[in-house]
């Protein structure tokens, strides 16, 4: 199977769970329900994982952020998050430019 930028973007859109910023620990954490975050995570910081990995670039253009994907990989819950091989390859291949795509955020 060849891995293309389209397959990487599709894999990013299939990520599961939610990410929120924990102010007390200063870290992003992952949960599988919006209601599972504690008081140390502000509601406005909670975003679907499939949106968390994209960083606004200009206008409707967004970059698929390797650093944010790496944060997810460090959670060691790849299967629950649905992190597939195209995303793992993308994170490893740092010599390639970040993927930039025109897209709109989905609502949680």
PDB file of N, CA and C in Angstrom:
ATOM      1  N   UNK A   1       0.850  -1.185   0.000  1.00  0.00           N
ATOM      2  CA  UNK A   1       0.000   0.000   0.000  1.00  0.00           C
ATOM      3  C   UNK A   1       0.890   1.241   0.000  1.00  0.00           C
ATOM      4  N   UNK A   2       0.699   2.097  -0.961  1.00  0.00           N
ATOM      5  CA  UNK A   2       1.465   3.340  -0.957  1.00  0.00           C
ATOM      6  C   UNK A   2       0.728   4.366  -0.099  1.00  0.00           C
ATOM      7  N   UNK A   3       1.518   5.139   0.617  1.00  0.00           N
ATOM      8  CA  UNK A   3       0.942   6.151   1.495  1.00  0.00           C
ATOM      9  C   UNK A   3       1.061   7.502   0.799  1.00  0.00           C
ATOM     10  N   UNK A   4      -0.072   8.150   0.624  1.00  0.00           N
ATOM     11  CA  UNK A   4      -0.125   9.440  -0.049  1.00  0.00           C
ATOM     12  C   UNK A   4      -0.566  10.506   0.943  1.00  0.00           C
ATOM     13  N   UNK A   5      -0.427  11.751   0.544  1.00  0.00           N
ATOM     14  CA  UNK A   5      -0.899  12.830   1.414  1.00  0.00           C
ATOM     15  C   UNK A   5      -2.411  12.719   1.623  1.00  0.00           C
ATOM     16  N   UNK A   6      -3.131  12.240   0.616  1.00  0.00           N
ATOM     17  CA  UNK A   6      -4.580  12.068   0.759  1.00  0.00           C
ATOM     18  C   UNK A   6      -4.897  10.995   1.798  1.00  0.00           C
ATOM     19  N   UNK A   7      -4.138   9.894   1.804  1.00  0.00           N
ATOM     20  CA  UNK A   7      -4.398   8.838   2.794  1.00  0.00           C
ATOM     21  C   UNK A   7      -4.007   9.297   4.196  1.00  0.00           C
ATOM     22  N   UNK A   8      -2.995  10.134   4.301  1.00  0.00           N
ATOM     23  CA  UNK A   8      -2.596  10.689   5.603  1.00  0.00           C
ATOM     24  C   UNK A   8      -3.688  11.618   6.127  1.00  0.00           C
ATOM     25  N   UNK A   9      -4.210  12.480   5.267  1.00  0.00           N
ATOM     26  CA  UNK A   9      -5.291  13.392   5.670  1.00  0.00           C
ATOM     27  C   UNK A   9      -6.539  12.609   6.067  1.00  0.00           C
ATOM     28  N   UNK A  10      -6.863  11.558   5.313  1.00  0.00           N
ATOM     29  CA  UNK A  10      -8.027  10.730   5.635  1.00  0.00           C
ATOM     30  C   UNK A  10      -7.839  10.064   6.995  1.00  0.00           C
ATOM     31  N   UNK A  11      -6.624   9.590   7.275  1.00  0.00           N
ATOM     32  CA  UNK A  11      -6.328   8.966   8.568  1.00  0.00           C
ATOM     33  C   UNK A  11      -6.477   9.977   9.704  1.00  0.00           C
ATOM     34  N   UNK A  12      -6.056  11.219   9.470  1.00  0.00           N
ATOM     35  CA  UNK A  12      -6.189  12.270  10.490  1.00  0.00           C
ATOM     36  C   UNK A  12      -7.662  12.553  10.780  1.00  0.00           C
ATOM     37  N   UNK A  13      -8.489  12.534   9.748  1.00  0.00           N
ATOM     38  CA  UNK A  13      -9.918  12.794   9.927  1.00  0.00           C
ATOM     39  C   UNK A  13     -10.631  11.663  10.660  1.00  0.00           C
ATOM     40  N   UNK A  14     -10.007  10.488  10.760  1.00  0.00           N
ATOM     41  CA  UNK A  14     -10.620   9.333  11.419  1.00  0.00           C
ATOM     42  C   UNK A  14     -10.155   9.149  12.868  1.00  0.00           C
ATOM     43  N   UNK A  15      -9.381  10.105  13.379  1.00  0.00           N
ATOM     44  CA  UNK A  15      -8.929  10.007  14.767  1.00  0.00           C
ATOM     45  C   UNK A  15     -10.115  10.107  15.720  1.00  0.00           C
ATOM     46  N   UNK A  16     -10.023   9.393  16.825  1.00  0.00           N
ATOM     47  CA  UNK A  16     -11.101   9.343  17.806  1.00  0.00           C
ATOM     48  C   UNK A  16     -10.710  10.082  19.078  1.00  0.00           C
ATOM     49  N   UNK A  17     -11.700  10.402  19.882  1.00  0.00           N
ATOM     50  CA  UNK A  17     -11.448  11.025  21.172  1.00  0.00           C
ATOM     51  C   UNK A  17     -11.432  12.537  21.122  1.00  0.00           C
ATOM     52  N   UNK A  18     -11.110  13.115  22.285  1.00  0.00           N
ATOM     53  CA  UNK A  18     -11.046  14.562  22.453  1.00  0.00           C
ATOM     54  C   UNK A  18      -9.747  14.916  23.156  1.00  0.00           C
ATOM     55  N   UNK A  19      -9.249  16.104  22.867  1.00  0.00           N
ATOM     56  CA  UNK A  19      -8.033  16.604  23.516  1.00  0.00           C
ATOM     57  C   UNK A  19      -8.396  17.893  24.241  1.00  0.00           C
ATOM     58  N   UNK A  20      -7.876  18.025  25.451  1.00  0.00           N
ATOM     59  CA  UNK A  20      -8.082  19.240  26.218  1.00  0.00           C
ATOM     60  C   UNK A  20      -6.787  19.626  26.905  1.00  0.00           C
ATOM     61  N   UNK A  21      -6.617  20.920  27.148  1.00  0.00           N
ATOM     62  CA  UNK A  21      -5.402  21.393  27.808  1.00  0.00           C
ATOM     63  C   UNK A  21      -5.636  21.448  29.308  1.00  0.00           C
ATOM     64  N   UNK A  22      -4.842  20.694  30.049  1.00  0.00           N
ATOM     65  CA  UNK A  22      -4.928  20.656  31.504  1.00  0.00           C
ATOM     66  C   UNK A  22      -4.061  21.774  32.067  1.00  0.00           C
ATOM     67  N   UNK A  23      -4.688  22.811  32.595  1.00  0.00           N
ATOM     68  CA  UNK A  23      -3.966  23.984  33.089  1.00  0.00           C
ATOM     69  C   UNK A  23      -3.094  23.649  34.295  1.00  0.00           C
ATOM     70  N   UNK A  24      -3.541  22.730  35.131  1.00  0.00           N
ATOM     71  CA  UNK A  24      -2.796  22.376  36.340  1.00  0.00           C
ATOM     72  C   UNK A  24      -1.465  21.695  36.006  1.00  0.00           C
ATOM     73  N   UNK A  25      -1.495  20.741  35.063  1.00  0.00           N
ATOM     74  CA  UNK A  25      -0.277  20.019  34.693  1.00  0.00           C
ATOM     75  C   UNK A  25       0.470  20.679  33.539  1.00  0.00           C
ATOM     76  N   UNK A  26      -0.217  21.591  32.822  1.00  0.00           N
ATOM     77  CA  UNK A  26       0.407  22.238  31.665  1.00  0.00           C
ATOM     78  C   UNK A  26       0.582  21.306  30.479  1.00  0.00           C
ATOM     79  N   UNK A  27      -0.281  20.275  30.393  1.00  0.00           N
ATOM     80  CA  UNK A  27      -0.180  19.280  29.323  1.00  0.00           C
ATOM     81  C   UNK A  27      -1.522  19.070  28.645  1.00  0.00           C
ATOM     82  N   UNK A  28      -1.439  18.630  27.387  1.00  0.00           N
ATOM     83  CA  UNK A  28      -2.646  18.198  26.691  1.00  0.00           C
ATOM     84  C   UNK A  28      -2.957  16.776  27.130  1.00  0.00           C
ATOM     85  N   UNK A  29      -4.232  16.493  27.367  1.00  0.00           N
ATOM     86  CA  UNK A  29      -4.635  15.144  27.726  1.00  0.00           C
ATOM     87  C   UNK A  29      -5.758  14.685  26.796  1.00  0.00           C
ATOM     88  N   UNK A  30      -5.901  13.376  26.688  1.00  0.00           N
ATOM     89  CA  UNK A  30      -6.888  12.776  25.794  1.00  0.00           C
ATOM     90  C   UNK A  30      -7.951  12.082  26.628  1.00  0.00           C
ATOM     91  N   UNK A  31      -9.194  12.241  26.217  1.00  0.00           N
ATOM     92  CA  UNK A  31     -10.315  11.522  26.825  1.00  0.00           C
ATOM     93  C   UNK A  31     -11.215  11.060  25.687  1.00  0.00           C
ATOM     94  N   UNK A  32     -12.114  10.151  26.000  1.00  0.00           N
ATOM     95  CA  UNK A  32     -12.987   9.623  24.952  1.00  0.00           C
ATOM     96  C   UNK A  32     -14.427  10.080  25.107  1.00  0.00           C
ATOM     97  N   UNK A  33     -14.619  11.046  25.985  1.00  0.00           N
ATOM     98  CA  UNK A  33     -15.907  11.711  26.143  1.00  0.00           C
ATOM     99  C   UNK A  33     -15.612  13.146  26.560  1.00  0.00           C
ATOM    100  N   UNK A  34     -16.365  14.071  26.025  1.00  0.00           N
ATOM    101  CA  UNK A  34     -16.179  15.475  26.412  1.00  0.00           C
ATOM    102  C   UNK A  34     -16.437  15.670  27.904  1.00  0.00           C
ATOM    103  N   UNK A  35     -17.269  14.834  28.465  1.00  0.00           N
ATOM    104  CA  UNK A  35     -17.634  14.967  29.877  1.00  0.00           C
ATOM    105  C   UNK A  35     -16.596  14.373  30.826  1.00  0.00           C
ATOM    106  N   UNK A  36     -15.571  13.723  30.302  1.00  0.00           N
ATOM    107  CA  UNK A  36     -14.600  13.019  31.147  1.00  0.00           C
ATOM    108  C   UNK A  36     -13.442  13.899  31.615  1.00  0.00           C
ATOM    109  N   UNK A  37     -13.415  15.149  31.221  1.00  0.00           N
ATOM    110  CA  UNK A  37     -12.343  16.048  31.636  1.00  0.00           C
ATOM    111  C   UNK A  37     -12.671  16.636  33.007  1.00  0.00           C
ATOM    112  N   UNK A  38     -11.636  16.844  33.808  1.00  0.00           N
ATOM    113  CA  UNK A  38     -11.836  17.421  35.137  1.00  0.00           C
ATOM    114  C   UNK A  38     -11.934  18.933  35.097  1.00  0.00           C
ATOM    115  N   UNK A  39     -11.996  19.536  36.265  1.00  0.00           N
ATOM    116  CA  UNK A  39     -12.126  20.982  36.387  1.00  0.00           C
ATOM    117  C   UNK A  39     -10.888  21.725  35.909  1.00  0.00           C
ATOM    118  N   UNK A  40      -9.753  21.049  35.824  1.00  0.00           N
ATOM    119  CA  UNK A  40      -8.512  21.698  35.392  1.00  0.00           C
ATOM    120  C   UNK A  40      -8.427  21.866  33.883  1.00  0.00           C
ATOM    121  N   UNK A  41      -9.458  21.420  33.151  1.00  0.00           N
ATOM    122  CA  UNK A  41      -9.502  21.558  31.696  1.00  0.00           C
ATOM    123  C   UNK A  41     -10.681  22.453  31.338  1.00  0.00           C
ATOM    124  N   UNK A  42     -10.379  23.620  30.786  1.00  0.00           N
ATOM    125  CA  UNK A  42     -11.436  24.551  30.391  1.00  0.00           C
ATOM    126  C   UNK A  42     -12.198  23.999  29.194  1.00  0.00           C
ATOM    127  N   UNK A  43     -13.517  24.118  29.218  1.00  0.00           N
ATOM    128  CA  UNK A  43     -14.364  23.577  28.154  1.00  0.00           C
ATOM    129  C   UNK A  43     -13.950  24.095  26.784  1.00  0.00           C
ATOM    130  N   UNK A  44     -13.533  25.367  26.696  1.00  0.00           N
ATOM    131  CA  UNK A  44     -13.178  25.927  25.390  1.00  0.00           C
ATOM    132  C   UNK A  44     -11.881  25.337  24.826  1.00  0.00           C
ATOM    133  N   UNK A  45     -11.096  24.629  25.646  1.00  0.00           N
ATOM    134  CA  UNK A  45      -9.874  24.010  25.136  1.00  0.00           C
ATOM    135  C   UNK A  45     -10.125  22.597  24.614  1.00  0.00           C
ATOM    136  N   UNK A  46     -11.315  22.046  24.867  1.00  0.00           N
ATOM    137  CA  UNK A  46     -11.625  20.679  24.445  1.00  0.00           C
ATOM    138  C   UNK A  46     -11.990  20.676  22.966  1.00  0.00           C
ATOM    139  N   UNK A  47     -11.301  19.837  22.204  1.00  0.00           N
ATOM    140  CA  UNK A  47     -11.527  19.757  20.769  1.00  0.00           C
ATOM    141  C   UNK A  47     -11.442  18.302  20.319  1.00  0.00           C
ATOM    142  N   UNK A  48     -12.201  17.916  19.295  1.00  0.00           N
ATOM    143  CA  UNK A  48     -12.062  16.555  18.776  1.00  0.00           C
ATOM    144  C   UNK A  48     -10.611  16.310  18.345  1.00  0.00           C
ATOM    145  N   UNK A  49     -10.119  15.121  18.594  1.00  0.00           N
ATOM    146  CA  UNK A  49      -8.735  14.781  18.254  1.00  0.00           C
ATOM    147  C   UNK A  49      -8.456  15.010  16.775  1.00  0.00           C
ATOM    148  N   UNK A  50      -9.430  14.705  15.927  1.00  0.00           N
ATOM    149  CA  UNK A  50      -9.244  14.872  14.479  1.00  0.00           C
ATOM    150  C   UNK A  50      -9.069  16.335  14.088  1.00  0.00           C
ATOM    151  N   UNK A  51      -9.460  17.265  14.950  1.00  0.00           N
ATOM    152  CA  UNK A  51      -9.234  18.695  14.701  1.00  0.00           C
ATOM    153  C   UNK A  51      -7.965  19.190  15.398  1.00  0.00           C
ATOM    154  N   UNK A  52      -7.664  18.610  16.547  1.00  0.00           N
ATOM    155  CA  UNK A  52      -6.490  19.017  17.324  1.00  0.00           C
ATOM    156  C   UNK A  52      -5.202  18.902  16.500  1.00  0.00           C
ATOM    157  N   UNK A  53      -5.117  17.915  15.631  1.00  0.00           N
ATOM    158  CA  UNK A  53      -3.877  17.682  14.885  1.00  0.00           C
ATOM    159  C   UNK A  53      -3.656  18.675  13.748  1.00  0.00           C
ATOM    160  N   UNK A  54      -4.650  19.478  13.445  1.00  0.00           N
ATOM    161  CA  UNK A  54      -4.516  20.496  12.398  1.00  0.00           C
ATOM    162  C   UNK A  54      -4.255  21.854  13.034  1.00  0.00           C
ATOM    163  N   UNK A  55      -3.330  22.598  12.463  1.00  0.00           N
ATOM    164  CA  UNK A  55      -2.970  23.932  12.950  1.00  0.00           C
ATOM    165  C   UNK A  55      -3.300  24.940  11.857  1.00  0.00           C
ATOM    166  N   UNK A  56      -3.987  26.018  12.231  1.00  0.00           N
ATOM    167  CA  UNK A  56      -4.342  27.059  11.269  1.00  0.00           C
ATOM    168  C   UNK A  56      -3.083  27.657  10.661  1.00  0.00           C
ATOM    169  N   UNK A  57      -3.097  27.804   9.348  1.00  0.00           N
ATOM    170  CA  UNK A  57      -1.955  28.382   8.632  1.00  0.00           C
ATOM    171  C   UNK A  57      -2.363  29.758   8.119  1.00  0.00           C
ATOM    172  N   UNK A  58      -3.173  29.812   7.106  1.00  0.00           N
ATOM    173  CA  UNK A  58      -3.718  31.082   6.612  1.00  0.00           C
ATOM    174  C   UNK A  58      -5.118  30.829   6.066  1.00  0.00           C
ATOM    175  N   UNK A  59      -6.050  31.675   6.408  1.00  0.00           N
ATOM    176  CA  UNK A  59      -7.417  31.527   5.912  1.00  0.00           C
ATOM    177  C   UNK A  59      -7.965  30.156   6.246  1.00  0.00           C
ATOM    178  N   UNK A  60      -8.369  29.420   5.213  1.00  0.00           N
ATOM    179  CA  UNK A  60      -8.895  28.070   5.406  1.00  0.00           C
ATOM    180  C   UNK A  60      -7.809  27.010   5.229  1.00  0.00           C
ATOM    181  N   UNK A  61      -6.565  27.442   5.026  1.00  0.00           N
ATOM    182  CA  UNK A  61      -5.457  26.485   4.898  1.00  0.00           C
ATOM    183  C   UNK A  61      -4.973  26.093   6.294  1.00  0.00           C
ATOM    184  N   UNK A  62      -4.778  24.802   6.456  1.00  0.00           N
ATOM    185  CA  UNK A  62      -4.309  24.275   7.730  1.00  0.00           C
ATOM    186  C   UNK A  62      -3.157  23.317   7.469  1.00  0.00           C
ATOM    187  N   UNK A  63      -2.251  23.201   8.446  1.00  0.00           N
ATOM    188  CA  UNK A  63      -1.141  22.265   8.369  1.00  0.00           C
ATOM    189  C   UNK A  63      -1.386  21.118   9.329  1.00  0.00           C
ATOM    190  N   UNK A  64      -1.052  19.911   8.881  1.00  0.00           N
ATOM    191  CA  UNK A  64      -1.134  18.737   9.746  1.00  0.00           C
ATOM    192  C   UNK A  64       0.108  18.745  10.627  1.00  0.00           C
ATOM    193  N   UNK A  65      -0.091  18.983  11.898  1.00  0.00           N
ATOM    194  CA  UNK A  65       0.984  19.277  12.849  1.00  0.00           C
ATOM    195  C   UNK A  65       1.625  18.003  13.405  1.00  0.00           C
ATOM    196  N   UNK A  66       2.880  17.758  13.019  1.00  0.00           N
ATOM    197  CA  UNK A  66       3.595  16.566  13.491  1.00  0.00           C
ATOM    198  C   UNK A  66       3.777  16.568  15.005  1.00  0.00           C
ATOM    199  N   UNK A  67       4.031  17.729  15.595  1.00  0.00           N
ATOM    200  CA  UNK A  67       4.242  17.808  17.044  1.00  0.00           C
ATOM    201  C   UNK A  67       2.979  17.390  17.792  1.00  0.00           C
ATOM    202  N   UNK A  68       1.827  17.787  17.302  1.00  0.00           N
ATOM    203  CA  UNK A  68       0.572  17.408  17.951  1.00  0.00           C
ATOM    204  C   UNK A  68       0.295  15.914  17.765  1.00  0.00           C
ATOM    205  N   UNK A  69       0.623  15.397  16.594  1.00  0.00           N
ATOM    206  CA  UNK A  69       0.492  13.953  16.394  1.00  0.00           C
ATOM    207  C   UNK A  69       1.427  13.194  17.326  1.00  0.00           C
ATOM    208  N   UNK A  70       2.616  13.717  17.512  1.00  0.00           N
ATOM    209  CA  UNK A  70       3.580  13.079  18.411  1.00  0.00           C
ATOM    210  C   UNK A  70       3.046  13.052  19.844  1.00  0.00           C
ATOM    211  N   UNK A  71       2.384  14.129  20.265  1.00  0.00           N
ATOM    212  CA  UNK A  71       1.754  14.144  21.598  1.00  0.00           C
ATOM    213  C   UNK A  71       0.761  12.993  21.751  1.00  0.00           C
ATOM    214  N   UNK A  72       0.021  12.725  20.688  1.00  0.00           N
ATOM    215  CA  UNK A  72      -0.941  11.631  20.735  1.00  0.00           C
ATOM    216  C   UNK A  72      -0.231  10.286  20.785  1.00  0.00           C
ATOM    217  N   UNK A  73       0.825  10.134  19.987  1.00  0.00           N
ATOM    218  CA  UNK A  73       1.577   8.880  19.986  1.00  0.00           C
ATOM    219  C   UNK A  73       2.181   8.589  21.356  1.00  0.00           C
ATOM    220  N   UNK A  74       2.587   9.621  22.056  1.00  0.00           N
ATOM    221  CA  UNK A  74       3.186   9.458  23.383  1.00  0.00           C
ATOM    222  C   UNK A  74       2.189   8.966  24.424  1.00  0.00           C
ATOM    223  N   UNK A  75       0.893   9.027  24.117  1.00  0.00           N
ATOM    224  CA  UNK A  75      -0.135   8.531  25.031  1.00  0.00           C
ATOM    225  C   UNK A  75      -0.168   6.994  25.048  1.00  0.00           C
ATOM    226  N   UNK A  76       0.435   6.373  24.014  1.00  0.00           N
ATOM    227  CA  UNK A  76       0.483   4.906  23.893  1.00  0.00           C
ATOM    228  C   UNK A  76      -0.898   4.252  23.893  1.00  0.00           C
ATOM    229  N   UNK A  77      -1.839   4.899  23.235  1.00  0.00           N
ATOM    230  CA  UNK A  77      -3.188   4.343  23.093  1.00  0.00           C
ATOM    231  C   UNK A  77      -3.603   4.438  21.625  1.00  0.00           C
ATOM    232  N   UNK A  78      -2.658   4.054  20.743  1.00  0.00           N
ATOM    233  CA  UNK A  78      -2.852   4.189  19.302  1.00  0.00           C
ATOM    234  C   UNK A  78      -4.170   3.590  18.808  1.00  0.00           C
ATOM    235  N   UNK A  79      -4.492   2.379  19.262  1.00  0.00           N
ATOM    236  CA  UNK A  79      -5.699   1.720  18.781  1.00  0.00           C
ATOM    237  C   UNK A  79      -6.955   2.466  19.205  1.00  0.00           C
ATOM    238  N   UNK A  80      -7.004   2.898  20.446  1.00  0.00           N
ATOM    239  CA  UNK A  80      -8.198   3.629  20.910  1.00  0.00           C
ATOM    240  C   UNK A  80      -8.362   4.954  20.179  1.00  0.00           C
ATOM    241  N   UNK A  81      -7.236   5.606  19.879  1.00  0.00           N
ATOM    242  CA  UNK A  81      -7.291   6.876  19.153  1.00  0.00           C
ATOM    243  C   UNK A  81      -7.488   6.672  17.656  1.00  0.00           C
ATOM    244  N   UNK A  82      -7.291   5.437  17.207  1.00  0.00           N
ATOM    245  CA  UNK A  82      -7.360   5.086  15.792  1.00  0.00           C
ATOM    246  C   UNK A  82      -6.201   5.719  15.000  1.00  0.00           C
ATOM    247  N   UNK A  83      -5.009   5.697  15.598  1.00  0.00           N
ATOM    248  CA  UNK A  83      -3.815   6.192  14.904  1.00  0.00           C
ATOM    249  C   UNK A  83      -3.335   5.083  13.987  1.00  0.00           C
ATOM    250  N   UNK A  84      -3.467   5.295  12.690  1.00  0.00           N
ATOM    251  CA  UNK A  84      -3.116   4.264  11.720  1.00  0.00           C
ATOM    252  C   UNK A  84      -1.720   4.505  11.144  1.00  0.00           C
ATOM    253  N   UNK A  85      -1.265   3.536  10.373  1.00  0.00           N
ATOM    254  CA  UNK A  85       0.095   3.568   9.831  1.00  0.00           C
ATOM    255  C   UNK A  85       0.408   4.828   9.012  1.00  0.00           C
ATOM    256  N   UNK A  86      -0.509   5.340   8.179  1.00  0.00           N
ATOM    257  CA  UNK A  86      -0.167   6.562   7.442  1.00  0.00           C
ATOM    258  C   UNK A  86       0.260   7.717   8.356  1.00  0.00           C
ATOM    259  N   UNK A  87      -0.383   7.859   9.511  1.00  0.00           N
ATOM    260  CA  UNK A  87      -0.016   8.943  10.441  1.00  0.00           C
ATOM    261  C   UNK A  87       1.337   8.668  11.093  1.00  0.00           C
ATOM    262  N   UNK A  88       1.611   7.420  11.414  1.00  0.00           N
ATOM    263  CA  UNK A  88       2.906   7.066  12.002  1.00  0.00           C
ATOM    264  C   UNK A  88       4.040   7.333  11.026  1.00  0.00           C
ATOM    265  N   UNK A  89       3.820   7.010   9.760  1.00  0.00           N
ATOM    266  CA  UNK A  89       4.827   7.279   8.725  1.00  0.00           C
ATOM    267  C   UNK A  89       5.041   8.778   8.591  1.00  0.00           C
ATOM    268  N   UNK A  90       3.955   9.538   8.582  1.00  0.00           N
ATOM    269  CA  UNK A  90       4.040  10.995   8.459  1.00  0.00           C
ATOM    270  C   UNK A  90       4.875  11.603   9.589  1.00  0.00           C
ATOM    271  N   UNK A  91       4.678  11.129  10.803  1.00  0.00           N
ATOM    272  CA  UNK A  91       5.433  11.644  11.949  1.00  0.00           C
ATOM    273  C   UNK A  91       6.916  11.300  11.802  1.00  0.00           C
ATOM    274  N   UNK A  92       7.223  10.092  11.335  1.00  0.00           N
ATOM    275  CA  UNK A  92       8.623   9.662  11.186  1.00  0.00           C
ATOM    276  C   UNK A  92       9.344  10.384  10.056  1.00  0.00           C
ATOM    277  N   UNK A  93       8.645  10.743   9.005  1.00  0.00           N
ATOM    278  CA  UNK A  93       9.277  11.304   7.799  1.00  0.00           C
ATOM    279  C   UNK A  93       9.425  12.824   7.900  1.00  0.00           C
ATOM    280  N   UNK A  94      10.246  13.258   8.826  1.00  0.00           N
ATOM    281  CA  UNK A  94      10.411  14.685   9.090  1.00  0.00           C
ATOM    282  C   UNK A  94      11.123  15.422   7.960  1.00  0.00           C
ATOM    283  N   UNK A  95      11.767  14.687   7.064  1.00  0.00           N
ATOM    284  CA  UNK A  95      12.443  15.340   5.944  1.00  0.00           C
ATOM    285  C   UNK A  95      11.443  15.847   4.892  1.00  0.00           C
ATOM    286  N   UNK A  96      10.215  15.378   4.980  1.00  0.00           N
ATOM    287  CA  UNK A  96       9.174  15.838   4.064  1.00  0.00           C
ATOM    288  C   UNK A  96       8.446  17.035   4.672  1.00  0.00           C
ATOM    289  N   UNK A  97       8.013  17.930   3.822  1.00  0.00           N
ATOM    290  CA  UNK A  97       7.297  19.125   4.291  1.00  0.00           C
ATOM    291  C   UNK A  97       5.983  18.725   4.960  1.00  0.00           C
ATOM    292  N   UNK A  98       5.534  19.579   5.894  1.00  0.00           N
ATOM    293  CA  UNK A  98       4.230  19.349   6.511  1.00  0.00           C
ATOM    294  C   UNK A  98       3.148  19.420   5.448  1.00  0.00           C
ATOM    295  N   UNK A  99       2.129  18.608   5.637  1.00  0.00           N
ATOM    296  CA  UNK A  99       0.989  18.636   4.723  1.00  0.00           C
ATOM    297  C   UNK A  99       0.170  19.878   5.022  1.00  0.00           C
ATOM    298  N   UNK A 100      -0.161  20.598   3.985  1.00  0.00           N
ATOM    299  CA  UNK A 100      -1.004  21.774   4.089  1.00  0.00           C
ATOM    300  C   UNK A 100      -2.234  21.537   3.225  1.00  0.00           C
ATOM    301  N   UNK A 101      -3.412  21.806   3.787  1.00  0.00           N
ATOM    302  CA  UNK A 101      -4.643  21.548   3.054  1.00  0.00           C
ATOM    303  C   UNK A 101      -5.656  22.646   3.323  1.00  0.00           C
ATOM    304  N   UNK A 102      -6.508  22.865   2.348  1.00  0.00           N
ATOM    305  CA  UNK A 102      -7.606  23.794   2.539  1.00  0.00           C
ATOM    306  C   UNK A 102      -8.755  23.001   3.131  1.00  0.00           C
ATOM    307  N   UNK A 103      -9.164  23.389   4.317  1.00  0.00           N
ATOM    308  CA  UNK A 103     -10.212  22.659   5.009  1.00  0.00           C
ATOM    309  C   UNK A 103     -10.931  23.546   5.991  1.00  0.00           C
ATOM    310  N   UNK A 104     -12.070  23.109   6.429  1.00  0.00           N
ATOM    311  CA  UNK A 104     -12.838  23.824   7.436  1.00  0.00           C
ATOM    312  C   UNK A 104     -12.957  22.920   8.659  1.00  0.00           C
ATOM    313  N   UNK A 105     -12.896  23.512   9.838  1.00  0.00           N
ATOM    314  CA  UNK A 105     -13.039  22.737  11.069  1.00  0.00           C
ATOM    315  C   UNK A 105     -14.448  22.177  11.172  1.00  0.00           C
ATOM    316  N   UNK A 106     -14.516  20.957  11.693  1.00  0.00           N
ATOM    317  CA  UNK A 106     -15.841  20.385  11.956  1.00  0.00           C
ATOM    318  C   UNK A 106     -16.256  20.798  13.355  1.00  0.00           C
ATOM    319  N   UNK A 107     -17.517  20.786  13.613  1.00  0.00           N
ATOM    320  CA  UNK A 107     -18.014  21.113  14.957  1.00  0.00           C
ATOM    321  C   UNK A 107     -17.963  19.877  15.822  1.00  0.00           C
ATOM    322  N   UNK A 108     -17.670  20.065  17.100  1.00  0.00           N
ATOM    323  CA  UNK A 108     -17.609  18.937  18.041  1.00  0.00           C
ATOM    324  C   UNK A 108     -18.985  18.393  18.313  1.00  0.00           C
TER     325      UNK A 108
END
